Protein backbone atom coordinates (compact mmCIF):
# COMPACT_ATOMS: atom_id res chain seq x y z
CA UNK A 1 9.90 -22.09 4.34
CA UNK A 2 8.34 -19.79 1.74
CA UNK A 3 10.87 -18.58 -0.84
CA UNK A 4 10.91 -15.41 -2.94
CA UNK A 5 10.10 -16.03 -6.60
CA UNK A 6 12.41 -13.17 -7.57
CA UNK A 7 15.66 -13.91 -5.73
CA UNK A 8 15.12 -17.14 -3.78
CA UNK A 9 15.39 -15.40 -0.41
CA UNK A 10 13.19 -16.24 2.56
CA UNK A 11 9.80 -14.53 2.86
CA UNK A 12 8.66 -13.46 6.32
CA UNK A 13 5.39 -11.98 7.57
CA UNK A 14 5.51 -8.24 8.07
CA UNK A 15 3.75 -4.94 7.36
CA UNK A 16 3.97 -2.58 4.42
CA UNK A 17 2.52 0.72 3.25
CA UNK A 18 0.26 0.71 0.18
CA UNK A 19 -0.47 3.89 -1.78
CA UNK A 20 -2.60 4.71 -4.81
CA UNK A 21 -2.61 7.88 -6.94
CA UNK A 22 -6.22 8.63 -7.89
CA UNK A 23 -5.56 11.58 -10.21
CA UNK A 24 -7.40 14.02 -7.94
CA UNK A 25 -5.80 12.74 -4.74
CA UNK A 26 -3.84 9.99 -3.07
CA UNK A 27 -4.69 7.19 -0.65
CA UNK A 28 -2.03 5.84 1.74
CA UNK A 29 -2.81 2.72 3.74
CA UNK A 30 -0.33 1.89 6.49
CA UNK A 31 0.35 -1.34 8.41
CA UNK A 32 -0.83 -3.63 5.60
CA UNK A 33 -0.06 -7.32 6.30
CA UNK A 34 2.33 -8.75 3.70
CA UNK A 35 4.99 -11.36 3.10
CA UNK A 36 8.33 -9.60 2.61
CA UNK A 37 11.54 -11.10 1.22
CA UNK A 38 14.38 -10.76 3.71
CA UNK A 39 16.89 -10.59 0.86
CA UNK A 40 15.49 -8.29 -1.86
CA UNK A 41 12.54 -6.65 -0.06
CA UNK A 42 9.88 -7.73 -2.60
CA UNK A 43 6.40 -7.75 -1.04
CA UNK A 44 3.37 -10.01 -1.54
CA UNK A 45 -0.16 -9.23 -0.37
CA UNK A 46 -2.71 -12.03 0.12
CA UNK A 47 -5.96 -11.98 -1.88
CA UNK A 48 -8.19 -11.21 1.11
CA UNK A 49 -5.98 -8.26 2.09
CA UNK A 50 -5.98 -7.01 -1.54
CA UNK A 51 -9.78 -7.13 -1.56
CA UNK A 52 -9.93 -4.94 1.55
CA UNK A 53 -7.40 -2.53 0.02
CA UNK A 54 -9.63 -2.24 -3.06
CA UNK A 55 -12.62 -1.46 -0.83
CA UNK A 56 -10.70 1.29 1.02
CA UNK A 57 -9.46 2.84 -2.24
CA UNK A 58 -12.94 2.74 -3.78
CA UNK A 59 -14.39 4.57 -0.74
CA UNK A 60 -11.74 7.30 -1.08
CA UNK A 61 -12.43 7.55 -4.83
CA UNK A 62 -16.17 7.80 -4.21
CA UNK A 63 -15.69 10.50 -1.55
CA UNK A 64 -13.26 12.45 -3.82
CA UNK A 65 -10.76 12.77 -0.99
CA UNK A 66 -7.62 14.69 -1.89
CA UNK A 67 -5.51 12.95 0.76
CA UNK A 68 -6.56 9.89 2.75
CA UNK A 69 -4.20 8.16 5.18
CA UNK A 70 -5.59 5.16 7.04
CA UNK A 71 -4.29 2.20 9.03
CA UNK A 72 -5.22 -1.27 7.79
CA UNK A 73 -7.42 -3.06 10.33
């Protein structure tokens, strides 16, 4: 069992929404895989998922999108 480093609760696989304010716009990425504490709700994103999130955000920054809402694949 994987335990939460914050409260000691149990972490379970789930999905979250990740958003970034770019100054000129915002990126919202839905259905992001994460481990979520069943007790306090703290979320952890794996390194490979974080790398993909960075790629998506960088594309939105490059394209100067005011609002970008995408689903994580």
